[in-house]
Amino acid sequence: MTSASPAKPRAAHGRRPRRPRTTVLGVIGELFITAGVVLLLFVAWQLWIGDMIYGAERNEQGAALSQEWAEQAEQEPTEPSDEPDPIAEGDIPADWEPPHMDVPVDGERFGVMRVPRWGDDYVMPMAGGITKPITLDPIGIGHYSDTEMPGEVGNFALAGHRTTFGKPFNQIAELQVGDAIVVETQDGWYTYRFRTLEYVTPDQTDVLLDVPQKPDVPAGGRYITLTACSPMYSLAERIVAYGVLESFQERADGEPDSLTEGVS
């Protein structure tokens, strides 16, 4: 008697491979991956591509404001004096008073900043206030409203982003002693000279005093203070740059040499 041979498995002909079953968790995972990619693209836009566009727009706005003032001066020309101007030569008398400027309201443009160290295309508009939605994000550099105006005895204090929204103070740490910080207004150009840099905590508001960090010292000099967040992409500290006024040049006398000296 012969034993029965084992049955051979029946070959599958024409059967398609079984597709994995779609699950709720799988769909949620794919949505998270998609959201992550979109978020990364947004961050790349905000930190790099957007910054380039915002920065170019801000500089164009600053250049347009400067051109507007120049055209207004041509329509109402003022003859330059033949007498040497001690202000323009850097010898500022103690009793000198700058042209009067009212403290601007939030978002009101009043000046343009130029820093040769940061490039000859750096022409950043300045406006009143330091709020993000009104001044810092849409315009550029903001003025602390309880500090002095350009050229006045005391502290002319400003704030700006170091990253995002055109990052007007991105290169603040690269300033070198003696670098020109030129503030252009409708009346002319104030040239400040950078002196020192320091890092403070956000609650050290004494950097905005008439004499920075010296509450008991009466103001005798004319200072400029630039503040920004530090380190990059963080709110942990503030980086602060200080300068002193060297000269003021009226618009009728043309642009000061400080706009182009020393830095390529």
C-alpha atoms as a PDB file:
ATOM      1  CA  MET A   1       0.000   0.000   0.000  1.00  0.00           C
ATOM      2  CA  THR A   2       1.425   3.236  -1.050  1.00  0.00           C
ATOM      3  CA  SER A   3       1.310   6.334   1.168  1.00  0.00           C
ATOM      4  CA  ALA A   4      -0.393   9.444  -0.113  1.00  0.00           C
ATOM      5  CA  SER A   5       2.022  12.200  -1.151  1.00  0.00           C
ATOM      6  CA  PRO A   6       1.679  15.514   0.733  1.00  0.00           C
ATOM      7  CA  ALA A   7      -0.530  18.042  -0.914  1.00  0.00           C
ATOM      8  CA  LYS A   8       1.343  20.786  -2.702  1.00  0.00           C
ATOM      9  CA  PRO A   9       0.350  24.361  -1.999  1.00  0.00           C
ATOM     10  CA  ARG A  10      -1.805  25.747  -4.691  1.00  0.00           C
ATOM     11  CA  ALA A  11       0.011  28.407  -6.690  1.00  0.00           C
ATOM     12  CA  ALA A  12      -1.575  31.764  -6.588  1.00  0.00           C
ATOM     13  CA  HIS A  13      -2.163  33.071 -10.059  1.00  0.00           C
ATOM     14  CA  GLY A  14      -2.945  36.726 -10.712  1.00  0.00           C
ATOM     15  CA  ARG A  15      -3.363  37.737  -7.073  1.00  0.00           C
ATOM     16  CA  ARG A  16      -2.406  41.317  -6.240  1.00  0.00           C
ATOM     17  CA  PRO A  17      -0.363  42.027  -3.089  1.00  0.00           C
ATOM     18  CA  ARG A  18      -2.536  43.075  -0.199  1.00  0.00           C
ATOM     19  CA  ARG A  19      -2.368  46.866   0.433  1.00  0.00           C
ATOM     20  CA  PRO A  20      -1.672  47.997   3.983  1.00  0.00           C
ATOM     21  CA  ARG A  21      -4.752  49.175   5.771  1.00  0.00           C
ATOM     22  CA  THR A  22      -4.996  52.943   6.271  1.00  0.00           C
ATOM     23  CA  THR A  23      -5.292  53.819   9.941  1.00  0.00           C
ATOM     24  CA  VAL A  24      -6.205  56.964  11.792  1.00  0.00           C
ATOM     25  CA  LEU A  25      -2.738  57.070  13.380  1.00  0.00           C
ATOM     26  CA  GLY A  26      -1.122  56.830   9.959  1.00  0.00           C
ATOM     27  CA  VAL A  27      -3.134  59.759   8.637  1.00  0.00           C
ATOM     28  CA  ILE A  28      -2.302  61.844  11.710  1.00  0.00           C
ATOM     29  CA  GLY A  29       1.393  61.018  11.301  1.00  0.00           C
ATOM     30  CA  GLU A  30       1.384  62.142   7.679  1.00  0.00           C
ATOM     31  CA  LEU A  31      -0.362  65.381   8.662  1.00  0.00           C
ATOM     32  CA  PHE A  32       2.306  66.047  11.287  1.00  0.00           C
ATOM     33  CA  ILE A  33       5.069  65.450   8.751  1.00  0.00           C
ATOM     34  CA  THR A  34       3.407  67.825   6.284  1.00  0.00           C
ATOM     35  CA  ALA A  35       2.946  70.448   8.988  1.00  0.00           C
ATOM     36  CA  GLY A  36       6.602  70.097   9.966  1.00  0.00           C
ATOM     37  CA  VAL A  37       7.764  70.648   6.391  1.00  0.00           C
ATOM     38  CA  VAL A  38       5.526  73.725   6.060  1.00  0.00           C
ATOM     39  CA  LEU A  39       6.856  75.071   9.363  1.00  0.00           C
ATOM     40  CA  LEU A  40      10.474  74.597   8.261  1.00  0.00           C
ATOM     41  CA  LEU A  41       9.742  76.411   5.003  1.00  0.00           C
ATOM     42  CA  PHE A  42       8.144  79.275   6.926  1.00  0.00           C
ATOM     43  CA  VAL A  43      11.145  79.552   9.261  1.00  0.00           C
ATOM     44  CA  ALA A  44      13.499  79.582   6.275  1.00  0.00           C
ATOM     45  CA  TRP A  45      11.429  82.343   4.710  1.00  0.00           C
ATOM     46  CA  GLN A  46      11.225  84.383   7.896  1.00  0.00           C
ATOM     47  CA  LEU A  47      14.928  84.128   8.807  1.00  0.00           C
ATOM     48  CA  TRP A  48      16.600  84.325   5.406  1.00  0.00           C
ATOM     49  CA  ILE A  49      14.564  85.006   2.289  1.00  0.00           C
ATOM     50  CA  GLY A  50      12.025  87.249   3.998  1.00  0.00           C
ATOM     51  CA  ASP A  51      14.766  89.147   5.809  1.00  0.00           C
ATOM     52  CA  MET A  52      16.486  89.953   2.526  1.00  0.00           C
ATOM     53  CA  ILE A  53      13.223  91.275   1.083  1.00  0.00           C
ATOM     54  CA  TYR A  54      12.271  93.201   4.224  1.00  0.00           C
ATOM     55  CA  GLY A  55      15.765  94.686   4.510  1.00  0.00           C
ATOM     56  CA  ALA A  56      15.726  95.869   0.894  1.00  0.00           C
ATOM     57  CA  GLU A  57      12.278  97.406   1.372  1.00  0.00           C
ATOM     58  CA  ARG A  58      13.335  99.252   4.532  1.00  0.00           C
ATOM     59  CA  ASN A  59      16.444 100.662   2.845  1.00  0.00           C
ATOM     60  CA  GLU A  60      14.368 101.784  -0.134  1.00  0.00           C
ATOM     61  CA  GLN A  61      11.961 103.545   2.222  1.00  0.00           C
ATOM     62  CA  GLY A  62      14.846 105.246   4.020  1.00  0.00           C
ATOM     63  CA  ALA A  63      16.409 106.362   0.747  1.00  0.00           C
ATOM     64  CA  ALA A  64      13.037 107.703  -0.431  1.00  0.00           C
ATOM     65  CA  LEU A  65      12.637 109.726   2.776  1.00  0.00           C
ATOM     66  CA  SER A  66      16.140 111.146   2.390  1.00  0.00           C
ATOM     67  CA  GLN A  67      15.406 112.075  -1.215  1.00  0.00           C
ATOM     68  CA  GLU A  68      12.158 113.761  -0.178  1.00  0.00           C
ATOM     69  CA  TRP A  69      14.016 115.969   2.289  1.00  0.00           C
ATOM     70  CA  ALA A  70      16.637 116.811  -0.328  1.00  0.00           C
ATOM     71  CA  GLU A  71      13.961 117.888  -2.810  1.00  0.00           C
ATOM     72  CA  GLN A  72      12.228 120.014  -0.192  1.00  0.00           C
ATOM     73  CA  ALA A  73      15.541 121.732   0.583  1.00  0.00           C
ATOM     74  CA  GLU A  74      16.032 122.504  -3.125  1.00  0.00           C
ATOM     75  CA  GLN A  75      12.616 124.170  -3.260  1.00  0.00           C
ATOM     76  CA  GLU A  76      13.461 126.317  -0.239  1.00  0.00           C
ATOM     77  CA  PRO A  77      17.234 126.758  -0.507  1.00  0.00           C
ATOM     78  CA  THR A  78      19.264 128.183   2.355  1.00  0.00           C
ATOM     79  CA  GLU A  79      22.605 129.752   1.545  1.00  0.00           C
ATOM     80  CA  PRO A  80      25.462 128.132   3.471  1.00  0.00           C
ATOM     81  CA  SER A  81      27.386 130.479   5.734  1.00  0.00           C
ATOM     82  CA  ASP A  82      30.945 131.529   4.854  1.00  0.00           C
ATOM     83  CA  GLU A  83      31.895 131.261   8.516  1.00  0.00           C
ATOM     84  CA  PRO A  84      33.322 127.919   9.673  1.00  0.00           C
ATOM     85  CA  ASP A  85      30.800 125.907  11.611  1.00  0.00           C
ATOM     86  CA  PRO A  86      32.320 124.568  14.847  1.00  0.00           C
ATOM     87  CA  ILE A  87      29.557 121.989  15.049  1.00  0.00           C
ATOM     88  CA  ALA A  88      30.475 120.488  11.683  1.00  0.00           C
ATOM     89  CA  GLU A  89      34.145 120.499  12.686  1.00  0.00           C
ATOM     90  CA  GLY A  90      33.429 118.457  15.786  1.00  0.00           C
ATOM     91  CA  ASP A  91      34.011 121.186  18.372  1.00  0.00           C
ATOM     92  CA  ILE A  92      30.586 121.408  20.014  1.00  0.00           C
ATOM     93  CA  PRO A  93      30.096 124.390  22.342  1.00  0.00           C
ATOM     94  CA  ALA A  94      28.405 123.595  25.639  1.00  0.00           C
ATOM     95  CA  ASP A  95      25.575 126.024  24.869  1.00  0.00           C
ATOM     96  CA  TRP A  96      24.873 124.737  21.342  1.00  0.00           C
ATOM     97  CA  GLU A  97      21.268 123.722  20.709  1.00  0.00           C
ATOM     98  CA  PRO A  98      20.300 121.374  17.858  1.00  0.00           C
ATOM     99  CA  PRO A  99      17.349 122.202  15.596  1.00  0.00           C
ATOM    100  CA  HIS A 100      14.172 121.593  17.569  1.00  0.00           C
ATOM    101  CA  MET A 101      12.403 118.283  16.998  1.00  0.00           C
ATOM    102  CA  ASP A 102       9.175 117.191  18.646  1.00  0.00           C
ATOM    103  CA  VAL A 103       9.165 113.678  20.080  1.00  0.00           C
ATOM    104  CA  PRO A 104       7.475 111.554  17.391  1.00  0.00           C
ATOM    105  CA  VAL A 105       4.419 109.452  18.134  1.00  0.00           C
ATOM    106  CA  ASP A 106       4.500 105.708  17.591  1.00  0.00           C
ATOM    107  CA  GLY A 107       5.153 104.933  13.935  1.00  0.00           C
ATOM    108  CA  GLU A 108       5.940 108.517  12.942  1.00  0.00           C
ATOM    109  CA  ARG A 109       9.090 108.625  10.807  1.00  0.00           C
ATOM    110  CA  PHE A 110      11.571 111.316  11.799  1.00  0.00           C
ATOM    111  CA  GLY A 111      15.001 110.186  10.661  1.00  0.00           C
ATOM    112  CA  VAL A 112      17.226 107.834   8.702  1.00  0.00           C
ATOM    113  CA  MET A 113      20.227 105.983  10.072  1.00  0.00           C
ATOM    114  CA  ARG A 114      23.373 105.346   8.039  1.00  0.00           C
ATOM    115  CA  VAL A 115      26.324 103.299   9.288  1.00  0.00           C
ATOM    116  CA  PRO A 116      29.184 103.038   6.767  1.00  0.00           C
ATOM    117  CA  ARG A 117      30.500  99.932   8.547  1.00  0.00           C
ATOM    118  CA  TRP A 118      27.254  98.183   7.601  1.00  0.00           C
ATOM    119  CA  GLY A 119      27.458  99.071   3.903  1.00  0.00           C
ATOM    120  CA  ASP A 120      26.728 102.057   1.700  1.00  0.00           C
ATOM    121  CA  ASP A 121      23.252 100.657   0.983  1.00  0.00           C
ATOM    122  CA  TYR A 122      22.254 100.769   4.647  1.00  0.00           C
ATOM    123  CA  VAL A 123      19.652 103.561   4.827  1.00  0.00           C
ATOM    124  CA  MET A 124      17.294 102.513   7.611  1.00  0.00           C
ATOM    125  CA  PRO A 125      14.216 104.599   8.541  1.00  0.00           C
ATOM    126  CA  MET A 126      13.631 105.598  12.158  1.00  0.00           C
ATOM    127  CA  ALA A 127      10.270 106.198  13.829  1.00  0.00           C
ATOM    128  CA  GLY A 128       8.750 106.921  17.205  1.00  0.00           C
ATOM    129  CA  GLY A 129       8.077 104.141  19.711  1.00  0.00           C
ATOM    130  CA  ILE A 130       9.467 100.641  20.166  1.00  0.00           C
ATOM    131  CA  THR A 131       6.342  98.505  19.775  1.00  0.00           C
ATOM    132  CA  LYS A 132       6.682  95.580  17.382  1.00  0.00           C
ATOM    133  CA  PRO A 133       3.418  95.941  15.415  1.00  0.00           C
ATOM    134  CA  ILE A 134       3.623  99.717  14.937  1.00  0.00           C
ATOM    135  CA  THR A 135       7.334 100.526  14.614  1.00  0.00           C
ATOM    136  CA  LEU A 136       9.924  97.758  14.833  1.00  0.00           C
ATOM    137  CA  ASP A 137       8.334  95.210  12.489  1.00  0.00           C
ATOM    138  CA  PRO A 138       6.911  97.427   9.700  1.00  0.00           C
ATOM    139  CA  ILE A 139       9.415 100.321   9.787  1.00  0.00           C
ATOM    140  CA  GLY A 140      12.791  99.384  11.281  1.00  0.00           C
ATOM    141  CA  ILE A 141      14.400 101.403  14.087  1.00  0.00           C
ATOM    142  CA  GLY A 142      12.357 102.718  17.020  1.00  0.00           C
ATOM    143  CA  HIS A 143      12.980 105.628  19.393  1.00  0.00           C
ATOM    144  CA  TYR A 144      12.454 105.276  23.146  1.00  0.00           C
ATOM    145  CA  SER A 145       9.962 108.101  23.630  1.00  0.00           C
ATOM    146  CA  ASP A 146      11.214 109.060  27.100  1.00  0.00           C
ATOM    147  CA  THR A 147      14.765 109.708  25.860  1.00  0.00           C
ATOM    148  CA  GLU A 148      16.221 112.702  24.031  1.00  0.00           C
ATOM    149  CA  MET A 149      16.030 113.521  20.337  1.00  0.00           C
ATOM    150  CA  PRO A 150      19.071 113.728  17.986  1.00  0.00           C
ATOM    151  CA  GLY A 151      21.749 116.158  19.109  1.00  0.00           C
ATOM    152  CA  GLU A 152      20.188 116.971  22.460  1.00  0.00           C
ATOM    153  CA  VAL A 153      22.122 116.833  25.719  1.00  0.00           C
ATOM    154  CA  GLY A 154      21.447 113.433  27.222  1.00  0.00           C
ATOM    155  CA  ASN A 155      20.749 110.035  25.731  1.00  0.00           C
ATOM    156  CA  PHE A 156      19.178 109.499  22.307  1.00  0.00           C
ATOM    157  CA  ALA A 157      18.164 105.828  22.643  1.00  0.00           C
ATOM    158  CA  LEU A 158      16.978 103.469  19.915  1.00  0.00           C
ATOM    159  CA  ALA A 159      15.876  99.850  19.486  1.00  0.00           C
ATOM    160  CA  GLY A 160      15.922  97.492  16.535  1.00  0.00           C
ATOM    161  CA  HIS A 161      15.684  93.828  15.621  1.00  0.00           C
ATOM    162  CA  ARG A 162      18.866  91.819  15.297  1.00  0.00           C
ATOM    163  CA  THR A 163      17.048  89.091  13.367  1.00  0.00           C
ATOM    164  CA  THR A 164      13.836  89.091  11.281  1.00  0.00           C
ATOM    165  CA  PHE A 165      11.902  91.984   9.744  1.00  0.00           C
ATOM    166  CA  GLY A 166      14.907  93.432   7.946  1.00  0.00           C
ATOM    167  CA  LYS A 167      17.153  93.038  11.054  1.00  0.00           C
ATOM    168  CA  PRO A 168      18.382  96.670  11.183  1.00  0.00           C
ATOM    169  CA  PHE A 169      20.817  96.008  14.068  1.00  0.00           C
ATOM    170  CA  ASN A 170      22.030  92.618  12.846  1.00  0.00           C
ATOM    171  CA  GLN A 171      25.674  93.763  12.648  1.00  0.00           C
ATOM    172  CA  ILE A 172      25.732  95.744  15.884  1.00  0.00           C
ATOM    173  CA  ALA A 173      28.454  93.502  17.337  1.00  0.00           C
ATOM    174  CA  GLU A 174      30.752  94.343  14.407  1.00  0.00           C
ATOM    175  CA  LEU A 175      31.017  98.055  15.253  1.00  0.00           C
ATOM    176  CA  GLN A 176      34.545  99.288  15.921  1.00  0.00           C
ATOM    177  CA  VAL A 177      35.651 102.203  18.064  1.00  0.00           C
ATOM    178  CA  GLY A 178      35.348 105.431  16.076  1.00  0.00           C
ATOM    179  CA  ASP A 179      32.815 104.098  13.553  1.00  0.00           C
ATOM    180  CA  ALA A 180      30.364 106.724  12.364  1.00  0.00           C
ATOM    181  CA  ILE A 181      26.689 106.351  13.259  1.00  0.00           C
ATOM    182  CA  VAL A 182      25.003 109.027  11.158  1.00  0.00           C
ATOM    183  CA  VAL A 183      21.454 110.137  11.882  1.00  0.00           C
ATOM    184  CA  GLU A 184      19.858 112.106   9.052  1.00  0.00           C
ATOM    185  CA  THR A 185      16.845 114.331   9.716  1.00  0.00           C
ATOM    186  CA  GLN A 186      15.079 116.963   7.655  1.00  0.00           C
ATOM    187  CA  ASP A 187      17.482 119.585   9.060  1.00  0.00           C
ATOM    188  CA  GLY A 188      20.764 117.792   8.424  1.00  0.00           C
ATOM    189  CA  TRP A 189      23.143 115.091   9.632  1.00  0.00           C
ATOM    190  CA  TYR A 190      24.221 114.204  13.169  1.00  0.00           C
ATOM    191  CA  THR A 191      27.434 112.193  13.283  1.00  0.00           C
ATOM    192  CA  TYR A 192      27.916 110.095  16.399  1.00  0.00           C
ATOM    193  CA  ARG A 193      31.053 108.034  17.045  1.00  0.00           C
ATOM    194  CA  PHE A 194      30.813 104.511  18.439  1.00  0.00           C
ATOM    195  CA  ARG A 195      32.635 104.072  21.739  1.00  0.00           C
ATOM    196  CA  THR A 196      31.811 100.785  23.460  1.00  0.00           C
ATOM    197  CA  LEU A 197      29.623  97.689  23.505  1.00  0.00           C
ATOM    198  CA  GLU A 198      28.214  95.693  26.400  1.00  0.00           C
ATOM    199  CA  TYR A 199      25.695  92.996  27.266  1.00  0.00           C
ATOM    200  CA  VAL A 200      23.016  93.494  29.913  1.00  0.00           C
ATOM    201  CA  THR A 201      19.922  91.727  31.190  1.00  0.00           C
ATOM    202  CA  PRO A 202      16.523  92.868  29.883  1.00  0.00           C
ATOM    203  CA  ASP A 203      15.639  94.538  33.183  1.00  0.00           C
ATOM    204  CA  GLN A 204      18.667  96.862  33.129  1.00  0.00           C
ATOM    205  CA  THR A 205      16.769  99.878  31.856  1.00  0.00           C
ATOM    206  CA  ASP A 206      19.376 102.230  33.301  1.00  0.00           C
ATOM    207  CA  VAL A 207      21.130 102.057  29.924  1.00  0.00           C
ATOM    208  CA  LEU A 208      18.431 104.525  28.803  1.00  0.00           C
ATOM    209  CA  LEU A 209      19.253 107.160  31.411  1.00  0.00           C
ATOM    210  CA  ASP A 210      20.528 110.600  30.349  1.00  0.00           C
ATOM    211  CA  VAL A 211      23.985 109.334  31.301  1.00  0.00           C
ATOM    212  CA  PRO A 212      23.701 105.568  30.700  1.00  0.00           C
ATOM    213  CA  GLN A 213      23.855 103.523  33.929  1.00  0.00           C
ATOM    214  CA  LYS A 214      24.684 106.593  36.044  1.00  0.00           C
ATOM    215  CA  PRO A 215      21.454 107.780  37.699  1.00  0.00           C
ATOM    216  CA  ASP A 216      23.173 110.330  39.936  1.00  0.00           C
ATOM    217  CA  VAL A 217      25.261 112.013  37.235  1.00  0.00           C
ATOM    218  CA  PRO A 218      23.746 115.052  35.444  1.00  0.00           C
ATOM    219  CA  ALA A 219      23.928 114.897  31.677  1.00  0.00           C
ATOM    220  CA  GLY A 220      26.634 116.984  30.088  1.00  0.00           C
ATOM    221  CA  GLY A 221      27.306 114.996  26.917  1.00  0.00           C
ATOM    222  CA  ARG A 222      25.225 114.052  23.908  1.00  0.00           C
ATOM    223  CA  TYR A 223      24.953 110.273  23.612  1.00  0.00           C
ATOM    224  CA  ILE A 224      23.405 107.676  21.356  1.00  0.00           C
ATOM    225  CA  THR A 225      22.417 104.202  22.574  1.00  0.00           C
ATOM    226  CA  LEU A 226      21.456 101.297  20.313  1.00  0.00           C
ATOM    227  CA  THR A 227      19.760  98.250  21.855  1.00  0.00           C
ATOM    228  CA  ALA A 228      18.946  94.822  20.412  1.00  0.00           C
ATOM    229  CA  CYS A 229      18.316  91.288  21.627  1.00  0.00           C
ATOM    230  CA  SER A 230      21.205  88.920  22.312  1.00  0.00           C
ATOM    231  CA  PRO A 231      22.295  86.296  21.500  1.00  0.00           C
ATOM    232  CA  MET A 232      20.927  85.778  18.029  1.00  0.00           C
ATOM    233  CA  TYR A 233      17.354  84.394  18.032  1.00  0.00           C
ATOM    234  CA  SER A 234      17.067  84.814  21.803  1.00  0.00           C
ATOM    235  CA  LEU A 235      15.555  87.253  24.304  1.00  0.00           C
ATOM    236  CA  ALA A 236      17.880  86.278  27.148  1.00  0.00           C
ATOM    237  CA  GLU A 237      20.013  89.431  27.084  1.00  0.00           C
ATOM    238  CA  ARG A 238      20.389  92.803  25.400  1.00  0.00           C
ATOM    239  CA  ILE A 239      23.376  93.965  23.403  1.00  0.00           C
ATOM    240  CA  VAL A 240      23.941  97.700  23.819  1.00  0.00           C
ATOM    241  CA  ALA A 241      26.125 100.023  21.714  1.00  0.00           C
ATOM    242  CA  TYR A 242      27.056 103.508  22.939  1.00  0.00           C
ATOM    243  CA  GLY A 243      28.301 106.520  21.013  1.00  0.00           C
ATOM    244  CA  VAL A 244      28.884 110.252  21.460  1.00  0.00           C
ATOM    245  CA  LEU A 245      27.959 113.158  19.202  1.00  0.00           C
ATOM    246  CA  GLU A 246      30.849 114.484  17.157  1.00  0.00           C
ATOM    247  CA  SER A 247      29.232 116.954  14.762  1.00  0.00           C
ATOM    248  CA  PHE A 248      26.116 118.290  13.096  1.00  0.00           C
ATOM    249  CA  GLN A 249      26.045 119.399   9.471  1.00  0.00           C
ATOM    250  CA  GLU A 250      23.156 121.409   8.071  1.00  0.00           C
ATOM    251  CA  ARG A 251      21.499 120.178   4.901  1.00  0.00           C
ATOM    252  CA  ALA A 252      22.543 123.336   3.030  1.00  0.00           C
ATOM    253  CA  ASP A 253      26.193 122.323   3.530  1.00  0.00           C
ATOM    254  CA  GLY A 254      25.766 118.973   1.796  1.00  0.00           C
ATOM    255  CA  GLU A 255      26.403 115.455   3.054  1.00  0.00           C
ATOM    256  CA  PRO A 256      29.093 115.008   5.710  1.00  0.00           C
ATOM    257  CA  ASP A 257      32.337 113.166   4.973  1.00  0.00           C
ATOM    258  CA  SER A 258      31.469 110.710   7.734  1.00  0.00           C
ATOM    259  CA  LEU A 259      29.055 108.934   5.377  1.00  0.00           C
ATOM    260  CA  THR A 260      31.840 107.588   3.208  1.00  0.00           C
ATOM    261  CA  GLU A 261      35.063 107.695   5.203  1.00  0.00           C
ATOM    262  CA  GLY A 262      37.203 104.759   6.103  1.00  0.00           C
ATOM    263  CA  VAL A 263      34.920 101.829   5.284  1.00  0.00           C
ATOM    264  CA  SER A 264      34.593 100.228   1.864  1.00  0.00           C
END
